[in-house]
ModelCIF file with pLDDT and N, C-alpha, C, O atoms, coordinates in Angstrom:
data_MODEL
#
_entry.id   MODEL 
#
_entity.id                         1 
_entity.type                       polymer 
_entity.pdbx_number_of_molecules   1 
#
_entity_poly.entity_id                      1 
_entity_poly.type                           'polypeptide(L)' 
_entity_poly.nstd_linkage                   no 
_entity_poly.nstd_monomer                   no 
_entity_poly.pdbx_seq_one_letter_code       YTDAQGAKDMETERMTIEKYAIQCYASEGSYPPDIDYLVKNYGLILHR 
_entity_poly.pdbx_seq_one_letter_code_can   YTDAQGAKDMETERMTIEKYAIQCYASEGSYPPDIDYLVKNYGLILHR 
_entity_poly.pdbx_strand_id                 A 
#
loop_
_entity_poly_seq.entity_id 
_entity_poly_seq.num 
_entity_poly_seq.mon_id 
_entity_poly_seq.hetero 
1 1  TYR n 
1 2  THR n 
1 3  ASP n 
1 4  ALA n 
1 5  GLN n 
1 6  GLY n 
1 7  ALA n 
1 8  LYS n 
1 9  ASP n 
1 10 MET n 
1 11 GLU n 
1 12 THR n 
1 13 GLU n 
1 14 ARG n 
1 15 MET n 
1 16 THR n 
1 17 ILE n 
1 18 GLU n 
1 19 LYS n 
1 20 TYR n 
1 21 ALA n 
1 22 ILE n 
1 23 GLN n 
1 24 CYS n 
1 25 TYR n 
1 26 ALA n 
1 27 SER n 
1 28 GLU n 
1 29 GLY n 
1 30 SER n 
1 31 TYR n 
1 32 PRO n 
1 33 PRO n 
1 34 ASP n 
1 35 ILE n 
1 36 ASP n 
1 37 TYR n 
1 38 LEU n 
1 39 VAL n 
1 40 LYS n 
1 41 ASN n 
1 42 TYR n 
1 43 GLY n 
1 44 LEU n 
1 45 ILE n 
1 46 LEU n 
1 47 HIS n 
1 48 ARG n 
#
_struct_asym.id          A 
_struct_asym.entity_id   1 
#
loop_
_ma_qa_metric.id 
_ma_qa_metric.mode 
_ma_qa_metric.name 
_ma_qa_metric.software_group_id 
_ma_qa_metric.type 
1 global pLDDT . pLDDT 
2 local  pLDDT . pLDDT 
#
_ma_qa_metric_global.metric_id      1 
_ma_qa_metric_global.metric_value   90.73 
_ma_qa_metric_global.model_id       1 
_ma_qa_metric_global.ordinal_id     1 
#
loop_
_ma_qa_metric_local.label_asym_id 
_ma_qa_metric_local.label_comp_id 
_ma_qa_metric_local.label_seq_id 
_ma_qa_metric_local.metric_id 
_ma_qa_metric_local.metric_value 
_ma_qa_metric_local.model_id 
_ma_qa_metric_local.ordinal_id 
A TYR 1  2 75.00 1 1  
A THR 2  2 75.00 1 2  
A ASP 3  2 74.00 1 3  
A ALA 4  2 75.00 1 4  
A GLN 5  2 76.00 1 5  
A GLY 6  2 76.00 1 6  
A ALA 7  2 80.00 1 7  
A LYS 8  2 86.00 1 8  
A ASP 9  2 86.00 1 9  
A MET 10 2 88.00 1 10 
A GLU 11 2 91.00 1 11 
A THR 12 2 91.00 1 12 
A GLU 13 2 93.00 1 13 
A ARG 14 2 94.00 1 14 
A MET 15 2 94.00 1 15 
A THR 16 2 94.00 1 16 
A ILE 17 2 95.00 1 17 
A GLU 18 2 95.00 1 18 
A LYS 19 2 96.00 1 19 
A TYR 20 2 95.00 1 20 
A ALA 21 2 95.00 1 21 
A ILE 22 2 95.00 1 22 
A GLN 23 2 95.00 1 23 
A CYS 24 2 94.00 1 24 
A TYR 25 2 95.00 1 25 
A ALA 26 2 95.00 1 26 
A SER 27 2 94.00 1 27 
A GLU 28 2 94.00 1 28 
A GLY 29 2 93.00 1 29 
A SER 30 2 93.00 1 30 
A TYR 31 2 94.00 1 31 
A PRO 32 2 94.00 1 32 
A PRO 33 2 94.00 1 33 
A ASP 34 2 94.00 1 34 
A ILE 35 2 94.00 1 35 
A ASP 36 2 94.00 1 36 
A TYR 37 2 95.00 1 37 
A LEU 38 2 95.00 1 38 
A VAL 39 2 94.00 1 39 
A LYS 40 2 96.00 1 40 
A ASN 41 2 94.00 1 41 
A TYR 42 2 94.00 1 42 
A GLY 43 2 93.00 1 43 
A LEU 44 2 94.00 1 44 
A ILE 45 2 92.00 1 45 
A LEU 46 2 93.00 1 46 
A HIS 47 2 90.00 1 47 
A ARG 48 2 89.00 1 48 
#
loop_
_atom_site.group_PDB 
_atom_site.id 
_atom_site.type_symbol 
_atom_site.label_atom_id 
_atom_site.label_alt_id 
_atom_site.label_comp_id 
_atom_site.label_asym_id 
_atom_site.label_entity_id 
_atom_site.label_seq_id 
_atom_site.pdbx_PDB_ins_code 
_atom_site.Cartn_x 
_atom_site.Cartn_y 
_atom_site.Cartn_z 
_atom_site.occupancy 
_atom_site.B_iso_or_equiv 
_atom_site.pdbx_formal_charge 
_atom_site.auth_seq_id 
_atom_site.auth_comp_id 
_atom_site.auth_asym_id 
_atom_site.auth_atom_id 
_atom_site.pdbx_PDB_model_num 
ATOM 1   N N  . TYR A 1 1  ? 24.546  -3.898  -1.006  1.00 75.00 ? 1  TYR A N  1 
ATOM 2   C CA . TYR A 1 1  ? 24.062  -3.887  -2.419  1.00 75.00 ? 1  TYR A CA 1 
ATOM 3   C C  . TYR A 1 1  ? 23.442  -5.127  -2.767  1.00 75.00 ? 1  TYR A C  1 
ATOM 4   O O  . TYR A 1 1  ? 22.406  -5.061  -3.429  1.00 75.00 ? 1  TYR A O  1 
ATOM 5   N N  . THR A 1 2  ? 23.890  -6.240  -2.441  1.00 75.00 ? 2  THR A N  1 
ATOM 6   C CA . THR A 1 2  ? 23.271  -7.551  -2.772  1.00 75.00 ? 2  THR A CA 1 
ATOM 7   C C  . THR A 1 2  ? 21.945  -7.611  -2.117  1.00 75.00 ? 2  THR A C  1 
ATOM 8   O O  . THR A 1 2  ? 20.977  -7.995  -2.774  1.00 75.00 ? 2  THR A O  1 
ATOM 9   N N  . ASP A 1 3  ? 21.809  -7.237  -0.783  1.00 74.00 ? 3  ASP A N  1 
ATOM 10  C CA . ASP A 1 3  ? 20.473  -7.291  -0.086  1.00 74.00 ? 3  ASP A CA 1 
ATOM 11  C C  . ASP A 1 3  ? 19.475  -6.387  -0.755  1.00 74.00 ? 3  ASP A C  1 
ATOM 12  O O  . ASP A 1 3  ? 18.320  -6.767  -0.948  1.00 74.00 ? 3  ASP A O  1 
ATOM 13  N N  . ALA A 1 4  ? 19.931  -5.119  -1.133  1.00 75.00 ? 4  ALA A N  1 
ATOM 14  C CA . ALA A 1 4  ? 19.015  -4.262  -1.857  1.00 75.00 ? 4  ALA A CA 1 
ATOM 15  C C  . ALA A 1 4  ? 18.520  -4.741  -3.168  1.00 75.00 ? 4  ALA A C  1 
ATOM 16  O O  . ALA A 1 4  ? 17.349  -4.580  -3.513  1.00 75.00 ? 4  ALA A O  1 
ATOM 17  N N  . GLN A 1 5  ? 19.412  -5.330  -3.898  1.00 76.00 ? 5  GLN A N  1 
ATOM 18  C CA . GLN A 1 5  ? 19.205  -6.024  -5.194  1.00 76.00 ? 5  GLN A CA 1 
ATOM 19  C C  . GLN A 1 5  ? 18.138  -7.116  -5.050  1.00 76.00 ? 5  GLN A C  1 
ATOM 20  O O  . GLN A 1 5  ? 17.197  -7.238  -5.833  1.00 76.00 ? 5  GLN A O  1 
ATOM 21  N N  . GLY A 1 6  ? 18.357  -7.893  -3.997  1.00 76.00 ? 6  GLY A N  1 
ATOM 22  C CA . GLY A 1 6  ? 17.379  -9.064  -3.734  1.00 76.00 ? 6  GLY A CA 1 
ATOM 23  C C  . GLY A 1 6  ? 15.976  -8.544  -3.375  1.00 76.00 ? 6  GLY A C  1 
ATOM 24  O O  . GLY A 1 6  ? 14.983  -9.124  -3.814  1.00 76.00 ? 6  GLY A O  1 
ATOM 25  N N  . ALA A 1 7  ? 15.879  -7.478  -2.598  1.00 80.00 ? 7  ALA A N  1 
ATOM 26  C CA . ALA A 1 7  ? 14.575  -6.886  -2.273  1.00 80.00 ? 7  ALA A CA 1 
ATOM 27  C C  . ALA A 1 7  ? 13.960  -6.226  -3.478  1.00 80.00 ? 7  ALA A C  1 
ATOM 28  O O  . ALA A 1 7  ? 12.734  -6.257  -3.585  1.00 80.00 ? 7  ALA A O  1 
ATOM 29  N N  . LYS A 1 8  ? 14.718  -5.613  -4.426  1.00 86.00 ? 8  LYS A N  1 
ATOM 30  C CA . LYS A 1 8  ? 14.193  -5.107  -5.684  1.00 86.00 ? 8  LYS A CA 1 
ATOM 31  C C  . LYS A 1 8  ? 13.636  -6.212  -6.541  1.00 86.00 ? 8  LYS A C  1 
ATOM 32  O O  . LYS A 1 8  ? 12.562  -6.088  -7.129  1.00 86.00 ? 8  LYS A O  1 
ATOM 33  N N  . ASP A 1 9  ? 14.408  -7.338  -6.606  1.00 86.00 ? 9  ASP A N  1 
ATOM 34  C CA . ASP A 1 9  ? 13.956  -8.429  -7.424  1.00 86.00 ? 9  ASP A CA 1 
ATOM 35  C C  . ASP A 1 9  ? 12.654  -9.024  -6.932  1.00 86.00 ? 9  ASP A C  1 
ATOM 36  O O  . ASP A 1 9  ? 11.771  -9.318  -7.737  1.00 86.00 ? 9  ASP A O  1 
ATOM 37  N N  . MET A 1 10 ? 12.514  -9.211  -5.629  1.00 88.00 ? 10 MET A N  1 
ATOM 38  C CA . MET A 1 10 ? 11.292  -9.686  -5.050  1.00 88.00 ? 10 MET A CA 1 
ATOM 39  C C  . MET A 1 10 ? 10.114  -8.736  -5.357  1.00 88.00 ? 10 MET A C  1 
ATOM 40  O O  . MET A 1 10 ? 9.013   -9.182  -5.681  1.00 88.00 ? 10 MET A O  1 
ATOM 41  N N  . GLU A 1 11 ? 10.367  -7.441  -5.248  1.00 91.00 ? 11 GLU A N  1 
ATOM 42  C CA . GLU A 1 11 ? 9.281   -6.568  -5.481  1.00 91.00 ? 11 GLU A CA 1 
ATOM 43  C C  . GLU A 1 11 ? 8.818   -6.543  -7.033  1.00 91.00 ? 11 GLU A C  1 
ATOM 44  O O  . GLU A 1 11 ? 7.649   -6.352  -7.369  1.00 91.00 ? 11 GLU A O  1 
ATOM 45  N N  . THR A 1 12 ? 9.799   -6.742  -7.863  1.00 91.00 ? 12 THR A N  1 
ATOM 46  C CA . THR A 1 12 ? 9.504   -6.948  -9.342  1.00 91.00 ? 12 THR A CA 1 
ATOM 47  C C  . THR A 1 12 ? 8.741   -8.158  -9.553  1.00 91.00 ? 12 THR A C  1 
ATOM 48  O O  . THR A 1 12 ? 7.765   -8.151  -10.303 1.00 91.00 ? 12 THR A O  1 
ATOM 49  N N  . GLU A 1 13 ? 9.125   -9.211  -8.932  1.00 93.00 ? 13 GLU A N  1 
ATOM 50  C CA . GLU A 1 13 ? 8.366   -10.549 -9.094  1.00 93.00 ? 13 GLU A CA 1 
ATOM 51  C C  . GLU A 1 13 ? 6.887   -10.317 -8.593  1.00 93.00 ? 13 GLU A C  1 
ATOM 52  O O  . GLU A 1 13 ? 5.938   -10.701 -9.276  1.00 93.00 ? 13 GLU A O  1 
ATOM 53  N N  . ARG A 1 14 ? 6.715   -9.672  -7.371  1.00 94.00 ? 14 ARG A N  1 
ATOM 54  C CA . ARG A 1 14 ? 5.360   -9.460  -6.858  1.00 94.00 ? 14 ARG A CA 1 
ATOM 55  C C  . ARG A 1 14 ? 4.555   -8.534  -7.825  1.00 94.00 ? 14 ARG A C  1 
ATOM 56  O O  . ARG A 1 14 ? 3.364   -8.773  -8.025  1.00 94.00 ? 14 ARG A O  1 
ATOM 57  N N  . MET A 1 15 ? 5.169   -7.504  -8.415  1.00 94.00 ? 15 MET A N  1 
ATOM 58  C CA . MET A 1 15 ? 4.439   -6.616  -9.293  1.00 94.00 ? 15 MET A CA 1 
ATOM 59  C C  . MET A 1 15 ? 4.035   -7.341  -10.580 1.00 94.00 ? 15 MET A C  1 
ATOM 60  O O  . MET A 1 15 ? 2.993   -7.050  -11.169 1.00 94.00 ? 15 MET A O  1 
ATOM 61  N N  . THR A 1 16 ? 4.852   -8.259  -10.992 1.00 94.00 ? 16 THR A N  1 
ATOM 62  C CA . THR A 1 16 ? 4.546   -9.014  -12.223 1.00 94.00 ? 16 THR A CA 1 
ATOM 63  C C  . THR A 1 16 ? 3.354   -9.861  -11.971 1.00 94.00 ? 16 THR A C  1 
ATOM 64  O O  . THR A 1 16 ? 2.453   -9.835  -12.809 1.00 94.00 ? 16 THR A O  1 
ATOM 65  N N  . ILE A 1 17 ? 3.231   -10.650 -10.861 1.00 95.00 ? 17 ILE A N  1 
ATOM 66  C CA . ILE A 1 17 ? 2.131   -11.367 -10.477 1.00 95.00 ? 17 ILE A CA 1 
ATOM 67  C C  . ILE A 1 17 ? 0.835   -10.482 -10.435 1.00 95.00 ? 17 ILE A C  1 
ATOM 68  O O  . ILE A 1 17 ? -0.199  -10.841 -10.999 1.00 95.00 ? 17 ILE A O  1 
ATOM 69  N N  . GLU A 1 18 ? 0.939   -9.388  -9.785  1.00 95.00 ? 18 GLU A N  1 
ATOM 70  C CA . GLU A 1 18 ? -0.175  -8.422  -9.711  1.00 95.00 ? 18 GLU A CA 1 
ATOM 71  C C  . GLU A 1 18 ? -0.642  -8.089  -11.102 1.00 95.00 ? 18 GLU A C  1 
ATOM 72  O O  . GLU A 1 18 ? -1.844  -8.105  -11.372 1.00 95.00 ? 18 GLU A O  1 
ATOM 73  N N  . LYS A 1 19 ? 0.282   -7.786  -11.995 1.00 96.00 ? 19 LYS A N  1 
ATOM 74  C CA . LYS A 1 19 ? -0.050  -7.285  -13.356 1.00 96.00 ? 19 LYS A CA 1 
ATOM 75  C C  . LYS A 1 19 ? -0.840  -8.435  -14.032 1.00 96.00 ? 19 LYS A C  1 
ATOM 76  O O  . LYS A 1 19 ? -1.855  -8.160  -14.671 1.00 96.00 ? 19 LYS A O  1 
ATOM 77  N N  . TYR A 1 20 ? -0.405  -9.730  -13.910 1.00 95.00 ? 20 TYR A N  1 
ATOM 78  C CA . TYR A 1 20 ? -1.089  -10.843 -14.401 1.00 95.00 ? 20 TYR A CA 1 
ATOM 79  C C  . TYR A 1 20 ? -2.517  -11.014 -13.794 1.00 95.00 ? 20 TYR A C  1 
ATOM 80  O O  . TYR A 1 20 ? -3.473  -11.293 -14.518 1.00 95.00 ? 20 TYR A O  1 
ATOM 81  N N  . ALA A 1 21 ? -2.619  -10.865 -12.650 1.00 95.00 ? 21 ALA A N  1 
ATOM 82  C CA . ALA A 1 21 ? -3.958  -10.882 -11.928 1.00 95.00 ? 21 ALA A CA 1 
ATOM 83  C C  . ALA A 1 21 ? -4.850  -9.831  -12.381 1.00 95.00 ? 21 ALA A C  1 
ATOM 84  O O  . ALA A 1 21 ? -6.029  -10.109 -12.600 1.00 95.00 ? 21 ALA A O  1 
ATOM 85  N N  . ILE A 1 22 ? -4.409  -8.647  -12.543 1.00 95.00 ? 22 ILE A N  1 
ATOM 86  C CA . ILE A 1 22 ? -5.226  -7.533  -13.060 1.00 95.00 ? 22 ILE A CA 1 
ATOM 87  C C  . ILE A 1 22 ? -5.609  -7.879  -14.591 1.00 95.00 ? 22 ILE A C  1 
ATOM 88  O O  . ILE A 1 22 ? -6.753  -7.679  -15.000 1.00 95.00 ? 22 ILE A O  1 
ATOM 89  N N  . GLN A 1 23 ? -4.647  -8.379  -15.369 1.00 95.00 ? 23 GLN A N  1 
ATOM 90  C CA . GLN A 1 23 ? -5.083  -8.714  -16.701 1.00 95.00 ? 23 GLN A CA 1 
ATOM 91  C C  . GLN A 1 23 ? -6.196  -9.768  -16.736 1.00 95.00 ? 23 GLN A C  1 
ATOM 92  O O  . GLN A 1 23 ? -7.131  -9.692  -17.532 1.00 95.00 ? 23 GLN A O  1 
ATOM 93  N N  . CYS A 1 24 ? -6.054  -10.770 -15.824 1.00 94.00 ? 24 CYS A N  1 
ATOM 94  C CA . CYS A 1 24 ? -7.095  -11.852 -15.775 1.00 94.00 ? 24 CYS A CA 1 
ATOM 95  C C  . CYS A 1 24 ? -8.451  -11.114 -15.334 1.00 94.00 ? 24 CYS A C  1 
ATOM 96  O O  . CYS A 1 24 ? -9.515  -11.374 -15.896 1.00 94.00 ? 24 CYS A O  1 
ATOM 97  N N  . TYR A 1 25 ? -8.354  -10.230 -14.351 1.00 95.00 ? 25 TYR A N  1 
ATOM 98  C CA . TYR A 1 25 ? -9.639  -9.506  -14.001 1.00 95.00 ? 25 TYR A CA 1 
ATOM 99  C C  . TYR A 1 25 ? -10.218 -8.773  -15.141 1.00 95.00 ? 25 TYR A C  1 
ATOM 100 O O  . TYR A 1 25 ? -11.436 -8.804  -15.320 1.00 95.00 ? 25 TYR A O  1 
ATOM 101 N N  . ALA A 1 26 ? -9.427  -8.112  -15.929 1.00 95.00 ? 26 ALA A N  1 
ATOM 102 C CA . ALA A 1 26 ? -9.936  -7.380  -17.122 1.00 95.00 ? 26 ALA A CA 1 
ATOM 103 C C  . ALA A 1 26 ? -10.501 -8.250  -18.151 1.00 95.00 ? 26 ALA A C  1 
ATOM 104 O O  . ALA A 1 26 ? -11.449 -7.893  -18.850 1.00 95.00 ? 26 ALA A O  1 
ATOM 105 N N  . SER A 1 27 ? -9.936  -9.377  -18.252 1.00 94.00 ? 27 SER A N  1 
ATOM 106 C CA . SER A 1 27 ? -10.409 -10.323 -19.315 1.00 94.00 ? 27 SER A CA 1 
ATOM 107 C C  . SER A 1 27 ? -11.597 -11.177 -18.830 1.00 94.00 ? 27 SER A C  1 
ATOM 108 O O  . SER A 1 27 ? -12.517 -11.445 -19.602 1.00 94.00 ? 27 SER A O  1 
ATOM 109 N N  . GLU A 1 28 ? -11.581 -11.567 -17.670 1.00 94.00 ? 28 GLU A N  1 
ATOM 110 C CA . GLU A 1 28 ? -12.572 -12.538 -17.169 1.00 94.00 ? 28 GLU A CA 1 
ATOM 111 C C  . GLU A 1 28 ? -13.615 -11.988 -16.158 1.00 94.00 ? 28 GLU A C  1 
ATOM 112 O O  . GLU A 1 28 ? -14.605 -12.657 -15.861 1.00 94.00 ? 28 GLU A O  1 
ATOM 113 N N  . GLY A 1 29 ? -13.393 -10.847 -15.672 1.00 93.00 ? 29 GLY A N  1 
ATOM 114 C CA . GLY A 1 29 ? -14.239 -10.192 -14.649 1.00 93.00 ? 29 GLY A CA 1 
ATOM 115 C C  . GLY A 1 29 ? -14.028 -10.621 -13.250 1.00 93.00 ? 29 GLY A C  1 
ATOM 116 O O  . GLY A 1 29 ? -14.736 -10.151 -12.358 1.00 93.00 ? 29 GLY A O  1 
ATOM 117 N N  . SER A 1 30 ? -13.168 -11.421 -13.020 1.00 93.00 ? 30 SER A N  1 
ATOM 118 C CA . SER A 1 30 ? -12.753 -11.823 -11.559 1.00 93.00 ? 30 SER A CA 1 
ATOM 119 C C  . SER A 1 30 ? -11.317 -12.096 -11.462 1.00 93.00 ? 30 SER A C  1 
ATOM 120 O O  . SER A 1 30 ? -10.680 -12.469 -12.446 1.00 93.00 ? 30 SER A O  1 
ATOM 121 N N  . TYR A 1 31 ? -10.794 -11.926 -10.326 1.00 94.00 ? 31 TYR A N  1 
ATOM 122 C CA . TYR A 1 31 ? -9.370  -12.250 -10.082 1.00 94.00 ? 31 TYR A CA 1 
ATOM 123 C C  . TYR A 1 31 ? -9.188  -13.843 -10.068 1.00 94.00 ? 31 TYR A C  1 
ATOM 124 O O  . TYR A 1 31 ? -10.101 -14.585 -9.706  1.00 94.00 ? 31 TYR A O  1 
ATOM 125 N N  . PRO A 1 32 ? -8.048  -14.269 -10.454 1.00 94.00 ? 32 PRO A N  1 
ATOM 126 C CA . PRO A 1 32 ? -7.896  -15.775 -10.420 1.00 94.00 ? 32 PRO A CA 1 
ATOM 127 C C  . PRO A 1 32 ? -7.919  -16.412 -9.038  1.00 94.00 ? 32 PRO A C  1 
ATOM 128 O O  . PRO A 1 32 ? -7.463  -15.814 -8.063  1.00 94.00 ? 32 PRO A O  1 
ATOM 129 N N  . PRO A 1 33 ? -8.446  -17.613 -8.958  1.00 94.00 ? 33 PRO A N  1 
ATOM 130 C CA . PRO A 1 33 ? -8.590  -18.116 -7.584  1.00 94.00 ? 33 PRO A CA 1 
ATOM 131 C C  . PRO A 1 33 ? -7.252  -18.542 -6.892  1.00 94.00 ? 33 PRO A C  1 
ATOM 132 O O  . PRO A 1 33 ? -7.169  -18.558 -5.664  1.00 94.00 ? 33 PRO A O  1 
ATOM 133 N N  . ASP A 1 34 ? -6.256  -18.871 -7.667  1.00 94.00 ? 34 ASP A N  1 
ATOM 134 C CA . ASP A 1 34 ? -4.922  -19.050 -7.041  1.00 94.00 ? 34 ASP A CA 1 
ATOM 135 C C  . ASP A 1 34 ? -3.914  -18.650 -8.172  1.00 94.00 ? 34 ASP A C  1 
ATOM 136 O O  . ASP A 1 34 ? -4.267  -18.299 -9.298  1.00 94.00 ? 34 ASP A O  1 
ATOM 137 N N  . ILE A 1 35 ? -2.575  -18.749 -7.726  1.00 94.00 ? 35 ILE A N  1 
ATOM 138 C CA . ILE A 1 35 ? -1.529  -18.341 -8.511  1.00 94.00 ? 35 ILE A CA 1 
ATOM 139 C C  . ILE A 1 35 ? -1.285  -19.283 -9.673  1.00 94.00 ? 35 ILE A C  1 
ATOM 140 O O  . ILE A 1 35 ? -0.824  -18.877 -10.740 1.00 94.00 ? 35 ILE A O  1 
ATOM 141 N N  . ASP A 1 36 ? -1.628  -20.648 -9.429  1.00 94.00 ? 36 ASP A N  1 
ATOM 142 C CA . ASP A 1 36 ? -1.380  -21.606 -10.611 1.00 94.00 ? 36 ASP A CA 1 
ATOM 143 C C  . ASP A 1 36 ? -2.433  -21.390 -11.699 1.00 94.00 ? 36 ASP A C  1 
ATOM 144 O O  . ASP A 1 36 ? -2.249  -21.894 -12.807 1.00 94.00 ? 36 ASP A O  1 
ATOM 145 N N  . TYR A 1 37 ? -3.491  -20.691 -11.447 1.00 95.00 ? 37 TYR A N  1 
ATOM 146 C CA . TYR A 1 37 ? -4.346  -20.316 -12.578 1.00 95.00 ? 37 TYR A CA 1 
ATOM 147 C C  . TYR A 1 37 ? -3.719  -19.515 -13.573 1.00 95.00 ? 37 TYR A C  1 
ATOM 148 O O  . TYR A 1 37 ? -3.853  -19.687 -14.785 1.00 95.00 ? 37 TYR A O  1 
ATOM 149 N N  . LEU A 1 38 ? -2.945  -18.528 -12.959 1.00 95.00 ? 38 LEU A N  1 
ATOM 150 C CA . LEU A 1 38 ? -2.179  -17.598 -13.852 1.00 95.00 ? 38 LEU A CA 1 
ATOM 151 C C  . LEU A 1 38 ? -1.015  -18.336 -14.594 1.00 95.00 ? 38 LEU A C  1 
ATOM 152 O O  . LEU A 1 38 ? -0.708  -17.985 -15.733 1.00 95.00 ? 38 LEU A O  1 
ATOM 153 N N  . VAL A 1 39 ? -0.402  -19.301 -13.991 1.00 94.00 ? 39 VAL A N  1 
ATOM 154 C CA . VAL A 1 39 ? 0.598   -20.125 -14.691 1.00 94.00 ? 39 VAL A CA 1 
ATOM 155 C C  . VAL A 1 39 ? -0.026  -20.804 -15.853 1.00 94.00 ? 39 VAL A C  1 
ATOM 156 O O  . VAL A 1 39 ? 0.442   -20.676 -16.985 1.00 94.00 ? 39 VAL A O  1 
ATOM 157 N N  . LYS A 1 40 ? -1.149  -21.574 -15.577 1.00 96.00 ? 40 LYS A N  1 
ATOM 158 C CA . LYS A 1 40 ? -1.752  -22.371 -16.560 1.00 96.00 ? 40 LYS A CA 1 
ATOM 159 C C  . LYS A 1 40 ? -2.429  -21.616 -17.682 1.00 96.00 ? 40 LYS A C  1 
ATOM 160 O O  . LYS A 1 40 ? -2.399  -22.040 -18.838 1.00 96.00 ? 40 LYS A O  1 
ATOM 161 N N  . ASN A 1 41 ? -3.022  -20.530 -17.348 1.00 94.00 ? 41 ASN A N  1 
ATOM 162 C CA . ASN A 1 41 ? -3.914  -19.791 -18.323 1.00 94.00 ? 41 ASN A CA 1 
ATOM 163 C C  . ASN A 1 41 ? -3.234  -18.566 -18.981 1.00 94.00 ? 41 ASN A C  1 
ATOM 164 O O  . ASN A 1 41 ? -3.519  -18.234 -20.132 1.00 94.00 ? 41 ASN A O  1 
ATOM 165 N N  . TYR A 1 42 ? -2.377  -17.937 -18.266 1.00 94.00 ? 42 TYR A N  1 
ATOM 166 C CA . TYR A 1 42 ? -1.745  -16.757 -18.709 1.00 94.00 ? 42 TYR A CA 1 
ATOM 167 C C  . TYR A 1 42 ? -0.379  -16.757 -18.941 1.00 94.00 ? 42 TYR A C  1 
ATOM 168 O O  . TYR A 1 42 ? 0.169   -15.722 -19.323 1.00 94.00 ? 42 TYR A O  1 
ATOM 169 N N  . GLY A 1 43 ? 0.329   -17.919 -18.738 1.00 93.00 ? 43 GLY A N  1 
ATOM 170 C CA . GLY A 1 43 ? 1.726   -18.081 -19.089 1.00 93.00 ? 43 GLY A CA 1 
ATOM 171 C C  . GLY A 1 43 ? 2.698   -17.509 -18.088 1.00 93.00 ? 43 GLY A C  1 
ATOM 172 O O  . GLY A 1 43 ? 3.877   -17.327 -18.392 1.00 93.00 ? 43 GLY A O  1 
ATOM 173 N N  . LEU A 1 44 ? 2.195   -17.215 -16.856 1.00 94.00 ? 44 LEU A N  1 
ATOM 174 C CA . LEU A 1 44 ? 3.086   -16.632 -15.828 1.00 94.00 ? 44 LEU A CA 1 
ATOM 175 C C  . LEU A 1 44 ? 4.206   -17.670 -15.516 1.00 94.00 ? 44 LEU A C  1 
ATOM 176 O O  . LEU A 1 44 ? 3.965   -18.869 -15.373 1.00 94.00 ? 44 LEU A O  1 
ATOM 177 N N  . ILE A 1 45 ? 5.325   -17.175 -15.432 1.00 92.00 ? 45 ILE A N  1 
ATOM 178 C CA . ILE A 1 45 ? 6.608   -18.070 -15.071 1.00 92.00 ? 45 ILE A CA 1 
ATOM 179 C C  . ILE A 1 45 ? 6.995   -17.620 -13.660 1.00 92.00 ? 45 ILE A C  1 
ATOM 180 O O  . ILE A 1 45 ? 7.237   -16.446 -13.380 1.00 92.00 ? 45 ILE A O  1 
ATOM 181 N N  . LEU A 1 46 ? 7.037   -18.655 -12.779 1.00 93.00 ? 46 LEU A N  1 
ATOM 182 C CA . LEU A 1 46 ? 7.405   -18.454 -11.409 1.00 93.00 ? 46 LEU A CA 1 
ATOM 183 C C  . LEU A 1 46 ? 8.707   -19.125 -11.126 1.00 93.00 ? 46 LEU A C  1 
ATOM 184 O O  . LEU A 1 46 ? 8.938   -20.224 -11.630 1.00 93.00 ? 46 LEU A O  1 
ATOM 185 N N  . HIS A 1 47 ? 9.570   -18.532 -10.351 1.00 90.00 ? 47 HIS A N  1 
ATOM 186 C CA . HIS A 1 47 ? 10.871  -18.916 -10.025 1.00 90.00 ? 47 HIS A CA 1 
ATOM 187 C C  . HIS A 1 47 ? 10.874  -19.529 -8.550  1.00 90.00 ? 47 HIS A C  1 
ATOM 188 O O  . HIS A 1 47 ? 11.333  -18.949 -7.567  1.00 90.00 ? 47 HIS A O  1 
ATOM 189 N N  . ARG A 1 48 ? 10.305  -20.758 -8.555  1.00 89.00 ? 48 ARG A N  1 
ATOM 190 C CA . ARG A 1 48 ? 10.097  -21.367 -7.177  1.00 89.00 ? 48 ARG A CA 1 
ATOM 191 C C  . ARG A 1 48 ? 11.322  -21.918 -6.537  1.00 89.00 ? 48 ARG A C  1 
ATOM 192 O O  . ARG A 1 48 ? 11.257  -22.433 -5.420  1.00 89.00 ? 48 ARG A O  1 
#
């Protein structure tokens, strides 16, 4: 159960980043050059 929950959490995290990248593409016409761009300009919170 713990392993399955961990995999689900990682997929949720990946989907969240993808959503922010798509939002950036819709707003700016291009995908962000790196993940830190999403953190700085779109408020993405990463759990490093």
